[in-house]
Amino acid sequence: MRGLWQDAFSTVHEDCEMHFLLGASSLGISHYDPGMHPELGYQRNSIAYFCTVCGQVWGRVLLLNYKKQAVCWSITFVYCAQHGSGSFLDGYRAEGLLDLLPQKALQREFNLEISKC
């Protein structure tokens, strides 16, 4: 791990951790370098998934920076599983998260898709 650095193209890189949470349960941790993920907009914030039907924050992606400090939060409006979604892959620029999902989160996404069939 290198902490925080800038490459030859002036892209800022950082050794971060993404903690995927469903309610209070951990679905695992992924190592993440925002500078390597332009498809996520070089995201450097944590995400809270808010269901606009029931008002619950049903999921979170907690981002810890290279100092293992929590970073600021953004809210994304995605229905919970009970109201039609519950997927970490829904929401703005979320499709890039697929490659970063830990095993338990990936299994959950698979089960959500299968249940729609």
N, C-alpha and C. Protein backbone atom coordinates (compact mmCIF):
# COMPACT_ATOMS: atom_id res chain seq x y z
N MET A 1 0.84 -1.19 0.00
CA MET A 1 0.00 0.00 0.00
C MET A 1 0.88 1.25 0.00
N ARG A 2 0.45 2.22 -0.79
CA ARG A 2 1.28 3.40 -0.97
C ARG A 2 0.66 4.65 -0.38
N GLY A 3 -0.54 4.59 0.16
CA GLY A 3 -1.15 5.77 0.74
C GLY A 3 -1.81 6.64 -0.30
N LEU A 4 -1.26 7.81 -0.54
CA LEU A 4 -1.81 8.79 -1.46
C LEU A 4 -0.70 9.23 -2.40
N TRP A 5 -0.95 9.19 -3.72
CA TRP A 5 0.07 9.58 -4.68
C TRP A 5 -0.58 10.05 -5.98
N GLN A 6 0.25 10.66 -6.82
CA GLN A 6 -0.20 11.16 -8.11
C GLN A 6 0.65 10.50 -9.19
N ASP A 7 -0.02 10.04 -10.26
CA ASP A 7 0.73 9.38 -11.34
C ASP A 7 1.21 10.40 -12.36
N ALA A 8 1.86 9.93 -13.41
CA ALA A 8 2.44 10.79 -14.44
C ALA A 8 1.39 11.58 -15.22
N PHE A 9 0.12 11.14 -15.17
CA PHE A 9 -0.97 11.83 -15.87
C PHE A 9 -1.74 12.76 -14.95
N SER A 10 -1.21 13.01 -13.75
CA SER A 10 -1.79 13.90 -12.73
C SER A 10 -3.07 13.34 -12.10
N THR A 11 -3.31 12.04 -12.23
CA THR A 11 -4.44 11.41 -11.57
C THR A 11 -4.04 11.09 -10.14
N VAL A 12 -4.88 11.48 -9.19
CA VAL A 12 -4.61 11.22 -7.78
C VAL A 12 -5.11 9.82 -7.43
N HIS A 13 -4.23 9.04 -6.82
CA HIS A 13 -4.54 7.67 -6.40
C HIS A 13 -4.51 7.60 -4.88
N GLU A 14 -5.25 6.64 -4.33
CA GLU A 14 -5.31 6.49 -2.89
C GLU A 14 -5.69 5.05 -2.56
N ASP A 15 -5.06 4.48 -1.56
CA ASP A 15 -5.40 3.14 -1.09
C ASP A 15 -6.56 3.25 -0.11
N CYS A 16 -7.75 2.90 -0.57
CA CYS A 16 -8.97 3.01 0.24
C CYS A 16 -9.58 1.63 0.47
N GLU A 17 -10.51 1.59 1.40
CA GLU A 17 -11.32 0.39 1.63
C GLU A 17 -12.78 0.77 1.47
N MET A 18 -13.55 -0.11 0.82
CA MET A 18 -15.00 0.05 0.72
C MET A 18 -15.65 -1.04 1.56
N HIS A 19 -16.43 -0.64 2.55
CA HIS A 19 -17.15 -1.58 3.41
C HIS A 19 -18.61 -1.58 2.97
N PHE A 20 -19.08 -2.72 2.52
CA PHE A 20 -20.46 -2.86 2.06
C PHE A 20 -21.32 -3.34 3.22
N LEU A 21 -22.35 -2.57 3.54
CA LEU A 21 -23.23 -2.87 4.67
C LEU A 21 -24.67 -2.95 4.22
N LEU A 22 -25.36 -3.97 4.70
CA LEU A 22 -26.80 -4.13 4.48
C LEU A 22 -27.43 -4.03 5.86
N GLY A 23 -28.12 -2.91 6.12
CA GLY A 23 -28.55 -2.65 7.50
C GLY A 23 -27.31 -2.53 8.36
N ALA A 24 -27.23 -3.35 9.41
CA ALA A 24 -26.06 -3.35 10.28
C ALA A 24 -25.11 -4.50 9.97
N SER A 25 -25.43 -5.30 8.95
CA SER A 25 -24.62 -6.48 8.62
C SER A 25 -23.59 -6.17 7.54
N SER A 26 -22.38 -6.65 7.77
CA SER A 26 -21.32 -6.46 6.79
C SER A 26 -21.42 -7.50 5.68
N LEU A 27 -21.30 -7.03 4.45
CA LEU A 27 -21.25 -7.91 3.30
C LEU A 27 -19.82 -8.03 2.76
N GLY A 28 -18.88 -7.45 3.47
CA GLY A 28 -17.48 -7.58 3.08
C GLY A 28 -16.81 -6.26 2.77
N ILE A 29 -15.52 -6.37 2.48
CA ILE A 29 -14.66 -5.21 2.23
C ILE A 29 -13.94 -5.41 0.91
N SER A 30 -13.82 -4.33 0.15
CA SER A 30 -13.02 -4.33 -1.08
C SER A 30 -11.97 -3.23 -0.98
N HIS A 31 -10.81 -3.51 -1.53
CA HIS A 31 -9.78 -2.47 -1.64
C HIS A 31 -10.07 -1.68 -2.91
N TYR A 32 -9.87 -0.38 -2.82
CA TYR A 32 -10.35 0.51 -3.87
C TYR A 32 -9.39 1.68 -4.04
N ASP A 33 -9.03 1.96 -5.28
CA ASP A 33 -8.23 3.13 -5.63
C ASP A 33 -9.10 4.01 -6.53
N PRO A 34 -9.63 5.13 -6.01
CA PRO A 34 -10.50 5.98 -6.82
C PRO A 34 -9.87 6.42 -8.15
N GLY A 35 -8.58 6.58 -8.18
CA GLY A 35 -7.90 6.99 -9.40
C GLY A 35 -7.93 5.96 -10.51
N MET A 36 -8.27 4.74 -10.18
CA MET A 36 -8.34 3.66 -11.16
C MET A 36 -9.77 3.42 -11.66
N HIS A 37 -10.73 4.22 -11.19
CA HIS A 37 -12.13 3.97 -11.53
C HIS A 37 -12.85 5.22 -12.05
N PRO A 38 -12.49 5.67 -13.27
CA PRO A 38 -13.18 6.83 -13.84
C PRO A 38 -14.67 6.56 -14.06
N GLU A 39 -15.06 5.27 -14.24
CA GLU A 39 -16.48 4.96 -14.45
C GLU A 39 -17.32 5.28 -13.22
N LEU A 40 -16.68 5.40 -12.07
CA LEU A 40 -17.38 5.80 -10.84
C LEU A 40 -17.19 7.29 -10.56
N GLY A 41 -16.60 7.99 -11.50
CA GLY A 41 -16.36 9.42 -11.31
C GLY A 41 -15.25 9.70 -10.32
N TYR A 42 -14.29 8.77 -10.20
CA TYR A 42 -13.19 8.90 -9.22
C TYR A 42 -13.75 9.12 -7.82
N GLN A 43 -14.81 8.41 -7.52
CA GLN A 43 -15.59 8.59 -6.28
C GLN A 43 -14.72 8.53 -5.03
N ARG A 44 -14.87 9.54 -4.19
CA ARG A 44 -14.14 9.62 -2.92
C ARG A 44 -15.09 9.94 -1.78
N ASN A 45 -16.27 9.31 -1.82
CA ASN A 45 -17.24 9.53 -0.74
C ASN A 45 -17.94 8.22 -0.42
N SER A 46 -18.50 8.15 0.78
CA SER A 46 -19.32 7.02 1.18
C SER A 46 -20.71 7.22 0.61
N ILE A 47 -21.47 6.13 0.49
CA ILE A 47 -22.81 6.21 -0.10
C ILE A 47 -23.82 5.60 0.86
N ALA A 48 -24.92 6.31 1.08
CA ALA A 48 -26.05 5.77 1.82
C ALA A 48 -27.18 5.56 0.82
N TYR A 49 -27.76 4.36 0.81
CA TYR A 49 -28.86 4.02 -0.10
C TYR A 49 -30.18 4.24 0.62
N PHE A 50 -30.95 5.20 0.14
CA PHE A 50 -32.18 5.64 0.80
C PHE A 50 -33.39 5.25 -0.04
N CYS A 51 -34.34 4.53 0.59
CA CYS A 51 -35.59 4.16 -0.08
C CYS A 51 -36.60 5.29 0.11
N THR A 52 -37.07 5.86 -0.98
CA THR A 52 -38.01 6.98 -0.90
C THR A 52 -39.43 6.53 -0.58
N VAL A 53 -39.69 5.22 -0.59
CA VAL A 53 -41.02 4.72 -0.25
C VAL A 53 -41.16 4.58 1.27
N CYS A 54 -40.23 3.86 1.90
CA CYS A 54 -40.35 3.60 3.34
C CYS A 54 -39.48 4.51 4.19
N GLY A 55 -38.56 5.24 3.57
CA GLY A 55 -37.73 6.18 4.32
C GLY A 55 -36.54 5.55 5.03
N GLN A 56 -36.22 4.31 4.70
CA GLN A 56 -35.11 3.62 5.36
C GLN A 56 -33.81 3.77 4.57
N VAL A 57 -32.72 3.90 5.30
CA VAL A 57 -31.40 3.75 4.70
C VAL A 57 -31.10 2.26 4.80
N TRP A 58 -31.25 1.55 3.70
CA TRP A 58 -31.17 0.09 3.74
C TRP A 58 -29.76 -0.44 3.49
N GLY A 59 -28.92 0.36 2.88
CA GLY A 59 -27.55 -0.08 2.60
C GLY A 59 -26.58 1.07 2.64
N ARG A 60 -25.32 0.71 2.83
CA ARG A 60 -24.27 1.72 2.87
C ARG A 60 -23.00 1.16 2.24
N VAL A 61 -22.25 2.04 1.61
CA VAL A 61 -20.89 1.72 1.20
C VAL A 61 -20.01 2.74 1.91
N LEU A 62 -19.37 2.28 2.97
CA LEU A 62 -18.52 3.14 3.78
C LEU A 62 -17.13 3.16 3.17
N LEU A 63 -16.65 4.33 2.81
CA LEU A 63 -15.32 4.47 2.23
C LEU A 63 -14.37 4.98 3.31
N LEU A 64 -13.29 4.24 3.51
CA LEU A 64 -12.23 4.67 4.42
C LEU A 64 -11.03 5.07 3.58
N ASN A 65 -10.48 6.24 3.86
CA ASN A 65 -9.33 6.71 3.09
C ASN A 65 -8.06 5.97 3.51
N TYR A 66 -6.93 6.36 2.96
CA TYR A 66 -5.68 5.66 3.24
C TYR A 66 -5.26 5.75 4.71
N LYS A 67 -5.80 6.72 5.45
CA LYS A 67 -5.54 6.84 6.88
C LYS A 67 -6.55 6.05 7.71
N LYS A 68 -7.43 5.30 7.02
CA LYS A 68 -8.52 4.51 7.64
C LYS A 68 -9.54 5.42 8.33
N GLN A 69 -9.72 6.62 7.79
CA GLN A 69 -10.72 7.56 8.29
C GLN A 69 -11.94 7.52 7.36
N ALA A 70 -13.12 7.58 7.96
CA ALA A 70 -14.35 7.64 7.17
C ALA A 70 -14.39 8.98 6.43
N VAL A 71 -14.88 8.94 5.21
CA VAL A 71 -15.00 10.16 4.41
C VAL A 71 -16.46 10.61 4.39
N CYS A 72 -16.73 11.76 3.80
CA CYS A 72 -18.08 12.33 3.80
C CYS A 72 -19.06 11.42 3.05
N TRP A 73 -20.34 11.61 3.35
CA TRP A 73 -21.41 10.77 2.81
C TRP A 73 -22.16 11.49 1.70
N SER A 74 -22.63 10.70 0.75
CA SER A 74 -23.62 11.17 -0.21
C SER A 74 -24.81 10.21 -0.12
N ILE A 75 -25.96 10.68 -0.52
CA ILE A 75 -27.17 9.86 -0.48
C ILE A 75 -27.59 9.57 -1.90
N THR A 76 -27.92 8.32 -2.15
CA THR A 76 -28.48 7.95 -3.44
C THR A 76 -29.86 7.35 -3.20
N PHE A 77 -30.79 7.70 -4.03
CA PHE A 77 -32.18 7.27 -3.86
C PHE A 77 -32.41 6.00 -4.66
N VAL A 78 -32.47 4.87 -3.96
CA VAL A 78 -32.69 3.56 -4.56
C VAL A 78 -33.68 2.82 -3.67
N TYR A 79 -34.74 2.32 -4.26
CA TYR A 79 -35.72 1.56 -3.48
C TYR A 79 -35.06 0.38 -2.79
N CYS A 80 -35.55 0.04 -1.60
CA CYS A 80 -35.08 -1.14 -0.89
C CYS A 80 -35.64 -2.39 -1.58
N ALA A 81 -35.20 -3.57 -1.13
CA ALA A 81 -35.65 -4.82 -1.74
C ALA A 81 -37.16 -4.99 -1.62
N GLN A 82 -37.72 -4.57 -0.52
CA GLN A 82 -39.16 -4.69 -0.30
C GLN A 82 -39.97 -3.85 -1.30
N HIS A 83 -39.36 -2.76 -1.79
CA HIS A 83 -40.07 -1.85 -2.69
C HIS A 83 -39.54 -1.86 -4.12
N GLY A 84 -38.83 -2.94 -4.49
CA GLY A 84 -38.52 -3.11 -5.90
C GLY A 84 -37.08 -3.11 -6.34
N SER A 85 -36.13 -2.87 -5.43
CA SER A 85 -34.73 -2.88 -5.87
C SER A 85 -33.86 -3.56 -4.81
N GLY A 86 -33.25 -2.76 -3.94
CA GLY A 86 -32.34 -3.31 -2.94
C GLY A 86 -30.97 -3.62 -3.50
N SER A 87 -30.66 -3.08 -4.67
CA SER A 87 -29.39 -3.38 -5.33
C SER A 87 -28.39 -2.24 -5.15
N PHE A 88 -27.16 -2.63 -4.82
CA PHE A 88 -26.07 -1.67 -4.76
C PHE A 88 -25.70 -1.18 -6.15
N LEU A 89 -26.16 -1.87 -7.18
CA LEU A 89 -25.81 -1.53 -8.56
C LEU A 89 -26.80 -0.56 -9.20
N ASP A 90 -27.85 -0.20 -8.47
CA ASP A 90 -28.78 0.83 -8.95
C ASP A 90 -28.29 2.19 -8.44
N GLY A 91 -28.65 3.23 -9.12
CA GLY A 91 -28.23 4.57 -8.71
C GLY A 91 -27.20 5.15 -9.64
N TYR A 92 -26.86 6.38 -9.40
CA TYR A 92 -25.96 7.14 -10.26
C TYR A 92 -24.56 6.53 -10.29
N ARG A 93 -24.07 6.18 -11.48
CA ARG A 93 -22.73 5.64 -11.71
C ARG A 93 -22.43 4.37 -10.93
N ALA A 94 -23.44 3.64 -10.53
CA ALA A 94 -23.23 2.47 -9.69
C ALA A 94 -22.78 1.24 -10.46
N GLU A 95 -22.96 1.21 -11.78
CA GLU A 95 -22.60 0.02 -12.54
C GLU A 95 -21.13 -0.34 -12.38
N GLY A 96 -20.29 0.62 -12.11
CA GLY A 96 -18.87 0.35 -11.90
C GLY A 96 -18.57 -0.39 -10.61
N LEU A 97 -19.55 -0.46 -9.70
CA LEU A 97 -19.34 -1.17 -8.44
C LEU A 97 -19.29 -2.68 -8.62
N LEU A 98 -19.81 -3.20 -9.71
CA LEU A 98 -19.88 -4.65 -9.90
C LEU A 98 -18.52 -5.30 -9.71
N ASP A 99 -17.49 -4.72 -10.27
CA ASP A 99 -16.14 -5.29 -10.15
C ASP A 99 -15.56 -5.18 -8.75
N LEU A 100 -16.17 -4.36 -7.90
CA LEU A 100 -15.64 -4.13 -6.56
C LEU A 100 -16.40 -4.86 -5.47
N LEU A 101 -17.52 -5.51 -5.84
CA LEU A 101 -18.34 -6.16 -4.82
C LEU A 101 -17.61 -7.33 -4.17
N PRO A 102 -17.59 -7.38 -2.83
CA PRO A 102 -17.06 -8.56 -2.16
C PRO A 102 -18.00 -9.75 -2.38
N GLN A 103 -17.53 -10.95 -2.10
CA GLN A 103 -18.26 -12.17 -2.40
C GLN A 103 -19.70 -12.18 -1.86
N LYS A 104 -19.89 -11.82 -0.60
CA LYS A 104 -21.24 -11.84 -0.03
C LYS A 104 -22.17 -10.84 -0.71
N ALA A 105 -21.65 -9.69 -1.05
CA ALA A 105 -22.46 -8.68 -1.74
C ALA A 105 -22.79 -9.13 -3.16
N LEU A 106 -21.83 -9.76 -3.82
CA LEU A 106 -22.06 -10.26 -5.17
C LEU A 106 -23.12 -11.38 -5.15
N GLN A 107 -23.05 -12.26 -4.16
CA GLN A 107 -24.05 -13.32 -4.02
C GLN A 107 -25.43 -12.72 -3.80
N ARG A 108 -25.51 -11.68 -2.99
CA ARG A 108 -26.79 -11.02 -2.73
C ARG A 108 -27.35 -10.40 -4.01
N GLU A 109 -26.51 -9.75 -4.80
CA GLU A 109 -26.95 -9.17 -6.06
C GLU A 109 -27.47 -10.26 -7.01
N PHE A 110 -26.77 -11.38 -7.04
CA PHE A 110 -27.20 -12.50 -7.87
C PHE A 110 -28.58 -13.00 -7.43
N ASN A 111 -28.76 -13.16 -6.12
CA ASN A 111 -30.04 -13.63 -5.59
C ASN A 111 -31.18 -12.65 -5.89
N LEU A 112 -30.88 -11.37 -5.83
CA LEU A 112 -31.89 -10.35 -6.17
C LEU A 112 -32.32 -10.48 -7.63
N GLU A 113 -31.35 -10.69 -8.51
CA GLU A 113 -31.67 -10.83 -9.94
C GLU A 113 -32.48 -12.11 -10.21
N ILE A 114 -32.08 -13.19 -9.56
CA ILE A 114 -32.80 -14.46 -9.74
C ILE A 114 -34.23 -14.35 -9.24
N SER A 115 -34.44 -13.63 -8.16
CA SER A 115 -35.80 -13.50 -7.60
C SER A 115 -36.74 -12.71 -8.52
N LYS A 116 -36.17 -11.96 -9.46
CA LYS A 116 -37.00 -11.19 -10.41
C LYS A 116 -37.53 -12.06 -11.54
N CYS A 117 -36.95 -13.25 -11.72
CA CYS A 117 -37.35 -14.14 -12.81
C CYS A 117 -38.64 -14.88 -12.49
